[in-house]
Amino acid sequence: MKNLKTALLSAIMLVLMPFASNAQEKNVTLDFENASTNMKLIQKYTNALQKGDVATMNAQLHQDVMIYGLGGGLDSLNMEQHKAYYTNSTSNFKHEITQDLYLPVKVTNSWNEGEWTLSWGLNTVTDKKSGQKIEIPYHTASLVVNGKIMMIRYYYDMANILSKIGWTLTPPKG
């Protein structure tokens, strides 16, 4: 019985050893050189949205930017598609951001390595024709490279928006 336990323990250790030797120390810090600058960059982007200033929004983007989750789609948008999306949005809706919070974070030794600024808030969108307001809680994660936004991931509840404008969800039968 003692030999069986020793053999099992040895086998488990041999199986787990590659994981232990490949483990890297992930480093996440809130204190890094560009933290304040990166946060101001995202705030400038957000303030431009509230003013309906799509040109200023796009000026904060890296030429090779990729934007994910905007408009509830799974596809990514490039800079020109971002411009078209927000030109349409700001033509039809007023955006008011409140309860916003920004957190710059630097990640090393991980798949998501880089300087990120995380943002949370409430985007109250007002239809310019009807005056209807929709409150949209949101979260974004923006990767900043060389003083420009290289990637933005938008997170918000599309079902909430659709239900506010009159859509209904029908559960499947069965």
N, C-alpha and C. Protein backbone atom coordinates (compact mmCIF):
# COMPACT_ATOMS: atom_id res chain seq x y z
N MET A 1 0.83 -1.19 0.00
CA MET A 1 0.00 0.00 0.00
C MET A 1 0.87 1.25 0.00
N LYS A 2 1.97 1.21 0.80
CA LYS A 2 2.87 2.36 0.87
C LYS A 2 3.53 2.58 -0.49
N ASN A 3 3.90 1.50 -1.18
CA ASN A 3 4.52 1.61 -2.50
C ASN A 3 3.53 2.19 -3.52
N LEU A 4 2.26 1.82 -3.40
CA LEU A 4 1.23 2.34 -4.30
C LEU A 4 1.05 3.85 -4.11
N LYS A 5 1.01 4.28 -2.84
CA LYS A 5 0.88 5.72 -2.55
C LYS A 5 2.08 6.48 -3.08
N THR A 6 3.26 5.93 -2.87
CA THR A 6 4.48 6.59 -3.35
C THR A 6 4.49 6.66 -4.87
N ALA A 7 4.08 5.62 -5.52
CA ALA A 7 4.03 5.59 -6.98
C ALA A 7 3.02 6.60 -7.51
N LEU A 8 1.82 6.66 -6.89
CA LEU A 8 0.81 7.63 -7.31
C LEU A 8 1.27 9.06 -7.11
N LEU A 9 1.88 9.32 -5.96
CA LEU A 9 2.40 10.66 -5.69
C LEU A 9 3.48 11.04 -6.69
N SER A 10 4.36 10.11 -7.01
CA SER A 10 5.42 10.37 -8.00
C SER A 10 4.83 10.64 -9.37
N ALA A 11 3.81 9.87 -9.75
CA ALA A 11 3.18 10.06 -11.06
C ALA A 11 2.50 11.42 -11.15
N ILE A 12 1.82 11.81 -10.09
CA ILE A 12 1.16 13.12 -10.07
C ILE A 12 2.19 14.23 -10.18
N MET A 13 3.28 14.11 -9.45
CA MET A 13 4.33 15.14 -9.51
C MET A 13 4.94 15.24 -10.90
N LEU A 14 5.15 14.10 -11.56
CA LEU A 14 5.71 14.10 -12.91
C LEU A 14 4.75 14.76 -13.90
N VAL A 15 3.47 14.53 -13.74
CA VAL A 15 2.46 15.13 -14.62
C VAL A 15 2.41 16.64 -14.42
N LEU A 16 2.49 17.10 -13.19
CA LEU A 16 2.37 18.52 -12.89
C LEU A 16 3.66 19.31 -13.08
N MET A 17 4.79 18.64 -13.14
CA MET A 17 6.08 19.33 -13.24
C MET A 17 6.18 20.24 -14.46
N PRO A 18 5.72 19.84 -15.67
CA PRO A 18 5.83 20.77 -16.80
C PRO A 18 5.05 22.07 -16.57
N PHE A 19 3.91 22.00 -15.89
CA PHE A 19 3.15 23.21 -15.61
C PHE A 19 3.92 24.13 -14.67
N ALA A 20 4.54 23.56 -13.68
CA ALA A 20 5.29 24.36 -12.72
C ALA A 20 6.51 25.00 -13.37
N SER A 21 7.19 24.27 -14.23
CA SER A 21 8.39 24.81 -14.84
C SER A 21 8.07 25.84 -15.92
N ASN A 22 6.88 25.74 -16.54
CA ASN A 22 6.50 26.70 -17.57
C ASN A 22 5.79 27.92 -17.00
N ALA A 23 5.50 27.90 -15.74
CA ALA A 23 4.77 29.02 -15.13
C ALA A 23 5.65 30.26 -15.12
N GLN A 24 5.07 31.37 -15.56
CA GLN A 24 5.77 32.64 -15.53
C GLN A 24 5.09 33.52 -14.50
N GLU A 25 5.86 34.36 -13.92
CA GLU A 25 5.27 35.29 -12.97
C GLU A 25 4.57 36.40 -13.74
N LYS A 26 3.25 36.43 -13.61
CA LYS A 26 2.48 37.49 -14.25
C LYS A 26 2.58 38.73 -13.38
N ASN A 27 2.73 39.85 -14.03
CA ASN A 27 2.88 41.09 -13.30
C ASN A 27 1.82 42.07 -13.75
N VAL A 28 1.03 42.55 -12.81
CA VAL A 28 0.02 43.55 -13.07
C VAL A 28 0.27 44.71 -12.12
N THR A 29 0.36 45.91 -12.68
CA THR A 29 0.61 47.07 -11.84
C THR A 29 -0.28 48.24 -12.23
N LEU A 30 -0.61 49.05 -11.25
CA LEU A 30 -1.37 50.27 -11.48
C LEU A 30 -0.45 51.48 -11.52
N ASP A 31 0.80 51.27 -11.13
CA ASP A 31 1.77 52.35 -11.05
C ASP A 31 2.82 52.17 -12.15
N PHE A 32 2.64 52.91 -13.26
CA PHE A 32 3.60 52.83 -14.36
C PHE A 32 3.68 54.20 -15.04
N GLU A 33 4.72 54.40 -15.79
CA GLU A 33 5.07 55.72 -16.33
C GLU A 33 3.93 56.38 -17.11
N ASN A 34 3.23 55.65 -17.96
CA ASN A 34 2.22 56.24 -18.83
C ASN A 34 0.80 56.19 -18.28
N ALA A 35 0.62 55.79 -17.03
CA ALA A 35 -0.72 55.59 -16.47
C ALA A 35 -1.59 56.84 -16.63
N SER A 36 -1.11 57.97 -16.20
CA SER A 36 -1.89 59.20 -16.25
C SER A 36 -2.17 59.64 -17.69
N THR A 37 -1.17 59.55 -18.53
CA THR A 37 -1.31 59.93 -19.94
C THR A 37 -2.34 59.04 -20.63
N ASN A 38 -2.26 57.72 -20.37
CA ASN A 38 -3.20 56.79 -21.00
C ASN A 38 -4.63 57.07 -20.54
N MET A 39 -4.80 57.35 -19.26
CA MET A 39 -6.13 57.63 -18.73
C MET A 39 -6.69 58.90 -19.39
N LYS A 40 -5.87 59.93 -19.53
CA LYS A 40 -6.32 61.17 -20.17
C LYS A 40 -6.69 60.95 -21.63
N LEU A 41 -5.99 60.05 -22.30
CA LEU A 41 -6.30 59.71 -23.69
C LEU A 41 -7.71 59.12 -23.80
N ILE A 42 -8.04 58.19 -22.93
CA ILE A 42 -9.36 57.56 -22.95
C ILE A 42 -10.43 58.57 -22.54
N GLN A 43 -10.13 59.43 -21.59
CA GLN A 43 -11.08 60.47 -21.20
C GLN A 43 -11.33 61.45 -22.36
N LYS A 44 -10.29 61.78 -23.11
CA LYS A 44 -10.45 62.67 -24.26
C LYS A 44 -11.35 62.02 -25.31
N TYR A 45 -11.17 60.74 -25.55
CA TYR A 45 -12.01 59.97 -26.48
C TYR A 45 -13.47 60.01 -26.01
N THR A 46 -13.69 59.76 -24.72
CA THR A 46 -15.04 59.73 -24.14
C THR A 46 -15.69 61.11 -24.18
N ASN A 47 -14.93 62.14 -23.85
CA ASN A 47 -15.46 63.51 -23.90
C ASN A 47 -15.84 63.91 -25.33
N ALA A 48 -15.04 63.48 -26.30
CA ALA A 48 -15.36 63.77 -27.70
C ALA A 48 -16.67 63.10 -28.12
N LEU A 49 -16.92 61.89 -27.62
CA LEU A 49 -18.20 61.22 -27.90
C LEU A 49 -19.36 62.07 -27.40
N GLN A 50 -19.23 62.59 -26.19
CA GLN A 50 -20.31 63.40 -25.62
C GLN A 50 -20.57 64.68 -26.42
N LYS A 51 -19.53 65.19 -27.04
CA LYS A 51 -19.65 66.41 -27.86
C LYS A 51 -20.08 66.10 -29.30
N GLY A 52 -20.14 64.80 -29.62
CA GLY A 52 -20.47 64.41 -31.00
C GLY A 52 -19.33 64.68 -31.96
N ASP A 53 -18.10 64.73 -31.44
CA ASP A 53 -16.92 65.08 -32.23
C ASP A 53 -16.18 63.80 -32.65
N VAL A 54 -16.65 63.20 -33.73
CA VAL A 54 -16.10 61.94 -34.21
C VAL A 54 -14.65 62.11 -34.69
N ALA A 55 -14.32 63.25 -35.25
CA ALA A 55 -12.94 63.49 -35.71
C ALA A 55 -11.96 63.42 -34.54
N THR A 56 -12.32 64.01 -33.40
CA THR A 56 -11.45 63.95 -32.23
C THR A 56 -11.39 62.53 -31.67
N MET A 57 -12.51 61.82 -31.70
CA MET A 57 -12.49 60.42 -31.27
C MET A 57 -11.49 59.64 -32.11
N ASN A 58 -11.60 59.76 -33.42
CA ASN A 58 -10.72 59.01 -34.32
C ASN A 58 -9.27 59.43 -34.20
N ALA A 59 -9.03 60.70 -33.83
CA ALA A 59 -7.65 61.18 -33.68
C ALA A 59 -6.93 60.49 -32.53
N GLN A 60 -7.68 59.88 -31.61
CA GLN A 60 -7.08 59.17 -30.47
C GLN A 60 -6.71 57.74 -30.83
N LEU A 61 -7.13 57.28 -32.01
CA LEU A 61 -6.94 55.90 -32.41
C LEU A 61 -5.65 55.70 -33.21
N HIS A 62 -5.01 54.57 -32.99
CA HIS A 62 -3.86 54.14 -33.79
C HIS A 62 -4.37 53.82 -35.19
N GLN A 63 -3.56 54.04 -36.20
CA GLN A 63 -4.00 53.78 -37.59
C GLN A 63 -4.42 52.33 -37.81
N ASP A 64 -3.89 51.39 -37.03
CA ASP A 64 -4.23 49.98 -37.17
C ASP A 64 -5.18 49.49 -36.08
N VAL A 65 -5.97 50.39 -35.51
CA VAL A 65 -6.86 50.07 -34.40
C VAL A 65 -7.86 48.98 -34.79
N MET A 66 -8.26 48.19 -33.80
CA MET A 66 -9.34 47.23 -33.96
C MET A 66 -10.31 47.46 -32.81
N ILE A 67 -11.60 47.55 -33.14
CA ILE A 67 -12.64 47.80 -32.15
C ILE A 67 -13.58 46.60 -32.17
N TYR A 68 -13.84 46.04 -30.99
CA TYR A 68 -14.68 44.85 -30.86
C TYR A 68 -15.90 45.16 -30.00
N GLY A 69 -17.04 44.56 -30.36
CA GLY A 69 -18.24 44.63 -29.53
C GLY A 69 -19.08 45.88 -29.70
N LEU A 70 -18.71 46.75 -30.60
CA LEU A 70 -19.47 47.99 -30.79
C LEU A 70 -20.69 47.69 -31.65
N GLY A 71 -21.84 48.12 -31.20
CA GLY A 71 -23.07 47.85 -31.92
C GLY A 71 -23.58 46.44 -31.70
N GLY A 72 -23.00 45.76 -30.72
CA GLY A 72 -23.45 44.42 -30.39
C GLY A 72 -22.94 43.36 -31.33
N GLY A 73 -22.13 43.73 -32.31
CA GLY A 73 -21.63 42.76 -33.28
C GLY A 73 -20.41 42.03 -32.79
N LEU A 74 -20.20 40.86 -33.33
CA LEU A 74 -19.02 40.08 -32.98
C LEU A 74 -17.83 40.47 -33.85
N ASP A 75 -18.10 41.10 -34.98
CA ASP A 75 -17.03 41.47 -35.88
C ASP A 75 -16.26 42.66 -35.35
N SER A 76 -15.05 42.80 -35.85
CA SER A 76 -14.23 43.94 -35.46
C SER A 76 -14.46 45.08 -36.45
N LEU A 77 -14.16 46.29 -35.97
CA LEU A 77 -14.22 47.47 -36.82
C LEU A 77 -12.83 48.09 -36.92
N ASN A 78 -12.49 48.63 -38.07
CA ASN A 78 -11.24 49.38 -38.20
C ASN A 78 -11.55 50.86 -38.01
N MET A 79 -10.57 51.72 -38.24
CA MET A 79 -10.75 53.14 -37.97
C MET A 79 -11.87 53.75 -38.83
N GLU A 80 -11.92 53.43 -40.11
CA GLU A 80 -12.95 54.00 -40.99
C GLU A 80 -14.34 53.51 -40.61
N GLN A 81 -14.45 52.23 -40.24
CA GLN A 81 -15.74 51.68 -39.82
C GLN A 81 -16.18 52.30 -38.48
N HIS A 82 -15.22 52.56 -37.60
CA HIS A 82 -15.50 53.23 -36.33
C HIS A 82 -16.05 54.63 -36.61
N LYS A 83 -15.40 55.33 -37.53
CA LYS A 83 -15.84 56.68 -37.90
C LYS A 83 -17.26 56.65 -38.45
N ALA A 84 -17.55 55.71 -39.34
CA ALA A 84 -18.89 55.60 -39.92
C ALA A 84 -19.92 55.27 -38.85
N TYR A 85 -19.58 54.35 -37.95
CA TYR A 85 -20.50 53.96 -36.88
C TYR A 85 -20.85 55.16 -36.01
N TYR A 86 -19.82 55.89 -35.55
CA TYR A 86 -20.09 57.00 -34.64
C TYR A 86 -20.62 58.24 -35.35
N THR A 87 -20.33 58.41 -36.63
CA THR A 87 -20.94 59.51 -37.38
C THR A 87 -22.45 59.29 -37.43
N ASN A 88 -22.87 58.07 -37.70
CA ASN A 88 -24.29 57.74 -37.70
C ASN A 88 -24.89 57.89 -36.29
N SER A 89 -24.20 57.35 -35.29
CA SER A 89 -24.71 57.39 -33.92
C SER A 89 -24.87 58.82 -33.41
N THR A 90 -23.84 59.65 -33.60
CA THR A 90 -23.91 61.02 -33.07
C THR A 90 -24.84 61.91 -33.90
N SER A 91 -25.15 61.51 -35.12
CA SER A 91 -26.14 62.25 -35.93
C SER A 91 -27.54 62.02 -35.40
N ASN A 92 -27.78 60.82 -34.85
CA ASN A 92 -29.12 60.44 -34.41
C ASN A 92 -29.32 60.48 -32.90
N PHE A 93 -28.22 60.43 -32.15
CA PHE A 93 -28.33 60.34 -30.69
C PHE A 93 -27.35 61.28 -30.01
N LYS A 94 -27.76 61.78 -28.86
CA LYS A 94 -26.86 62.52 -27.98
C LYS A 94 -26.37 61.53 -26.92
N HIS A 95 -25.08 61.52 -26.68
CA HIS A 95 -24.47 60.63 -25.69
C HIS A 95 -24.06 61.45 -24.47
N GLU A 96 -24.51 61.03 -23.30
CA GLU A 96 -24.10 61.68 -22.05
C GLU A 96 -23.51 60.60 -21.14
N ILE A 97 -22.24 60.75 -20.84
CA ILE A 97 -21.53 59.79 -19.99
C ILE A 97 -21.53 60.30 -18.56
N THR A 98 -21.99 59.46 -17.64
CA THR A 98 -21.96 59.78 -16.21
C THR A 98 -21.44 58.56 -15.45
N GLN A 99 -21.16 58.77 -14.19
CA GLN A 99 -20.67 57.70 -13.32
C GLN A 99 -19.45 56.99 -13.91
N ASP A 100 -18.64 57.74 -14.67
CA ASP A 100 -17.50 57.13 -15.32
C ASP A 100 -16.32 56.97 -14.36
N LEU A 101 -15.58 55.92 -14.60
CA LEU A 101 -14.43 55.55 -13.79
C LEU A 101 -13.38 54.99 -14.73
N TYR A 102 -12.11 55.35 -14.51
CA TYR A 102 -11.02 54.93 -15.38
C TYR A 102 -9.92 54.30 -14.54
N LEU A 103 -9.37 53.19 -15.04
CA LEU A 103 -8.32 52.49 -14.32
C LEU A 103 -7.23 52.06 -15.29
N PRO A 104 -6.07 52.74 -15.28
CA PRO A 104 -4.96 52.30 -16.11
C PRO A 104 -4.22 51.13 -15.44
N VAL A 105 -3.91 50.13 -16.24
CA VAL A 105 -3.27 48.90 -15.75
C VAL A 105 -2.20 48.49 -16.75
N LYS A 106 -1.05 48.05 -16.23
CA LYS A 106 0.00 47.52 -17.09
C LYS A 106 0.18 46.04 -16.78
N VAL A 107 0.15 45.21 -17.82
CA VAL A 107 0.25 43.76 -17.68
C VAL A 107 1.50 43.28 -18.41
N THR A 108 2.29 42.45 -17.76
CA THR A 108 3.46 41.84 -18.40
C THR A 108 3.41 40.33 -18.18
N ASN A 109 4.10 39.59 -19.03
CA ASN A 109 4.20 38.13 -18.96
C ASN A 109 2.84 37.45 -19.00
N SER A 110 1.98 37.89 -19.89
CA SER A 110 0.66 37.29 -20.02
C SER A 110 0.17 37.46 -21.45
N TRP A 111 -0.86 36.71 -21.82
CA TRP A 111 -1.41 36.80 -23.17
C TRP A 111 -1.95 38.20 -23.47
N ASN A 112 -2.35 38.94 -22.44
CA ASN A 112 -2.91 40.28 -22.64
C ASN A 112 -1.92 41.37 -22.23
N GLU A 113 -0.66 41.12 -22.49
CA GLU A 113 0.40 42.05 -22.12
C GLU A 113 0.19 43.41 -22.77
N GLY A 114 0.45 44.45 -22.02
CA GLY A 114 0.37 45.80 -22.55
C GLY A 114 -0.15 46.79 -21.52
N GLU A 115 -0.32 48.02 -21.97
CA GLU A 115 -0.86 49.08 -21.14
C GLU A 115 -2.33 49.26 -21.50
N TRP A 116 -3.18 48.97 -20.55
CA TRP A 116 -4.63 49.00 -20.74
C TRP A 116 -5.24 50.12 -19.89
N THR A 117 -6.32 50.68 -20.37
CA THR A 117 -7.14 51.54 -19.53
C THR A 117 -8.55 50.95 -19.56
N LEU A 118 -9.01 50.58 -18.38
CA LEU A 118 -10.35 50.04 -18.21
C LEU A 118 -11.28 51.18 -17.85
N SER A 119 -12.47 51.16 -18.37
CA SER A 119 -13.42 52.23 -18.11
C SER A 119 -14.81 51.65 -17.89
N TRP A 120 -15.51 52.24 -16.92
CA TRP A 120 -16.89 51.87 -16.64
C TRP A 120 -17.70 53.15 -16.55
N GLY A 121 -18.98 53.04 -16.87
CA GLY A 121 -19.83 54.21 -16.73
C GLY A 121 -21.23 53.94 -17.20
N LEU A 122 -21.99 55.02 -17.29
CA LEU A 122 -23.37 54.97 -17.77
C LEU A 122 -23.48 55.93 -18.94
N ASN A 123 -23.83 55.40 -20.11
CA ASN A 123 -24.02 56.21 -21.30
C ASN A 123 -25.52 56.39 -21.49
N THR A 124 -26.02 57.59 -21.23
CA THR A 124 -27.43 57.88 -21.46
C THR A 124 -27.55 58.41 -22.88
N VAL A 125 -28.20 57.63 -23.71
CA VAL A 125 -28.33 57.93 -25.13
C VAL A 125 -29.73 58.50 -25.34
N THR A 126 -29.80 59.70 -25.95
CA THR A 126 -31.08 60.35 -26.21
C THR A 126 -31.30 60.45 -27.71
N ASP A 127 -32.41 59.90 -28.17
CA ASP A 127 -32.79 59.99 -29.58
C ASP A 127 -33.11 61.44 -29.90
N LYS A 128 -32.43 62.02 -30.87
CA LYS A 128 -32.59 63.44 -31.19
C LYS A 128 -33.97 63.76 -31.78
N LYS A 129 -34.64 62.78 -32.39
CA LYS A 129 -35.96 63.02 -32.97
C LYS A 129 -37.07 62.82 -31.95
N SER A 130 -37.03 61.69 -31.25
CA SER A 130 -38.14 61.35 -30.35
C SER A 130 -37.92 61.82 -28.91
N GLY A 131 -36.67 62.06 -28.55
CA GLY A 131 -36.36 62.44 -27.17
C GLY A 131 -36.28 61.25 -26.22
N GLN A 132 -36.50 60.03 -26.74
CA GLN A 132 -36.43 58.84 -25.90
C GLN A 132 -35.01 58.64 -25.38
N LYS A 133 -34.92 58.33 -24.07
CA LYS A 133 -33.62 58.12 -23.43
C LYS A 133 -33.46 56.65 -23.07
N ILE A 134 -32.24 56.16 -23.27
CA ILE A 134 -31.90 54.79 -22.88
C ILE A 134 -30.60 54.87 -22.09
N GLU A 135 -30.63 54.31 -20.89
CA GLU A 135 -29.41 54.25 -20.06
C GLU A 135 -28.69 52.95 -20.36
N ILE A 136 -27.41 53.08 -20.70
CA ILE A 136 -26.62 51.92 -21.08
C ILE A 136 -25.39 51.83 -20.17
N PRO A 137 -25.41 50.92 -19.18
CA PRO A 137 -24.19 50.69 -18.41
C PRO A 137 -23.16 50.03 -19.35
N TYR A 138 -21.92 50.48 -19.28
CA TYR A 138 -20.90 49.95 -20.19
C TYR A 138 -19.58 49.70 -19.47
N HIS A 139 -18.75 48.93 -20.15
CA HIS A 139 -17.36 48.73 -19.74
C HIS A 139 -16.54 48.68 -21.02
N THR A 140 -15.40 49.34 -21.03
CA THR A 140 -14.47 49.21 -22.15
C THR A 140 -13.10 48.84 -21.61
N ALA A 141 -12.36 48.13 -22.44
CA ALA A 141 -10.96 47.82 -22.16
C ALA A 141 -10.18 48.30 -23.38
N SER A 142 -9.32 49.29 -23.18
CA SER A 142 -8.59 49.91 -24.28
C SER A 142 -7.10 49.67 -24.13
N LEU A 143 -6.50 49.10 -25.16
CA LEU A 143 -5.06 48.88 -25.20
C LEU A 143 -4.41 50.12 -25.82
N VAL A 144 -3.47 50.71 -25.09
CA VAL A 144 -2.80 51.92 -25.56
C VAL A 144 -1.36 51.57 -25.94
N VAL A 145 -0.97 51.96 -27.17
CA VAL A 145 0.38 51.72 -27.67
C VAL A 145 0.91 53.03 -28.26
N ASN A 146 2.05 53.47 -27.77
CA ASN A 146 2.69 54.70 -28.26
C ASN A 146 1.73 55.89 -28.27
N GLY A 147 0.94 56.03 -27.20
CA GLY A 147 0.08 57.19 -27.05
C GLY A 147 -1.19 57.18 -27.87
N LYS A 148 -1.52 56.04 -28.48
CA LYS A 148 -2.74 55.91 -29.28
C LYS A 148 -3.49 54.66 -28.86
N ILE A 149 -4.79 54.64 -29.10
CA ILE A 149 -5.61 53.48 -28.77
C ILE A 149 -5.45 52.46 -29.90
N MET A 150 -4.88 51.30 -29.55
CA MET A 150 -4.63 50.23 -30.53
C MET A 150 -5.83 49.28 -30.63
N MET A 151 -6.54 49.12 -29.50
CA MET A 151 -7.69 48.22 -29.49
C MET A 151 -8.67 48.69 -28.42
N ILE A 152 -9.96 48.57 -28.73
CA ILE A 152 -11.01 48.82 -27.74
C ILE A 152 -11.94 47.62 -27.77
N ARG A 153 -12.23 47.10 -26.59
CA ARG A 153 -13.26 46.07 -26.45
C ARG A 153 -14.41 46.69 -25.66
N TYR A 154 -15.58 46.77 -26.30
CA TYR A 154 -16.79 47.31 -25.69
C TYR A 154 -17.61 46.17 -25.10
N TYR A 155 -18.13 46.39 -23.89
CA TYR A 155 -19.00 45.43 -23.24
C TYR A 155 -20.24 46.16 -22.73
N TYR A 156 -21.41 45.77 -23.23
CA TYR A 156 -22.67 46.29 -22.73
C TYR A 156 -23.78 45.35 -23.17
N ASP A 157 -24.94 45.50 -22.55
CA ASP A 157 -26.05 44.57 -22.73
C ASP A 157 -26.96 45.03 -23.87
N MET A 158 -26.84 44.38 -25.04
CA MET A 158 -27.68 44.74 -26.19
C MET A 158 -29.14 44.38 -25.94
N ALA A 159 -29.41 43.31 -25.20
CA ALA A 159 -30.80 42.92 -24.93
C ALA A 159 -31.51 44.04 -24.15
N ASN A 160 -30.80 44.68 -23.25
CA ASN A 160 -31.36 45.81 -22.50
C ASN A 160 -31.75 46.94 -23.45
N ILE A 161 -30.88 47.27 -24.38
CA ILE A 161 -31.15 48.35 -25.33
C ILE A 161 -32.35 47.99 -26.21
N LEU A 162 -32.35 46.78 -26.74
CA LEU A 162 -33.44 46.37 -27.62
C LEU A 162 -34.79 46.37 -26.90
N SER A 163 -34.79 45.91 -25.64
CA SER A 163 -36.05 45.91 -24.89
C SER A 163 -36.55 47.33 -24.62
N LYS A 164 -35.64 48.28 -24.43
CA LYS A 164 -36.03 49.68 -24.19
C LYS A 164 -36.64 50.34 -25.42
N ILE A 165 -36.29 49.83 -26.61
CA ILE A 165 -36.86 50.43 -27.83
C ILE A 165 -38.02 49.59 -28.36
N GLY A 166 -38.50 48.64 -27.56
CA GLY A 166 -39.73 47.94 -27.91
C GLY A 166 -39.61 46.51 -28.40
N TRP A 167 -38.40 46.02 -28.53
CA TRP A 167 -38.24 44.62 -28.95
C TRP A 167 -38.61 43.72 -27.79
N THR A 168 -39.03 42.50 -28.12
CA THR A 168 -39.30 41.51 -27.09
C THR A 168 -38.51 40.24 -27.38
N LEU A 169 -38.16 39.54 -26.34
CA LEU A 169 -37.49 38.25 -26.48
C LEU A 169 -38.49 37.16 -26.22
N THR A 170 -38.57 36.22 -27.12
CA THR A 170 -39.49 35.10 -26.98
C THR A 170 -38.68 33.86 -26.65
N PRO A 171 -38.98 33.21 -25.52
CA PRO A 171 -38.23 32.01 -25.18
C PRO A 171 -38.54 30.87 -26.17
N PRO A 172 -37.58 30.00 -26.39
CA PRO A 172 -37.82 28.88 -27.29
C PRO A 172 -38.91 27.95 -26.75
N LYS A 173 -39.61 27.29 -27.67
CA LYS A 173 -40.65 26.35 -27.26
C LYS A 173 -40.02 25.02 -26.93
N GLY A 174 -40.59 24.39 -25.92
CA GLY A 174 -40.14 23.04 -25.61
C GLY A 174 -39.34 22.92 -24.45
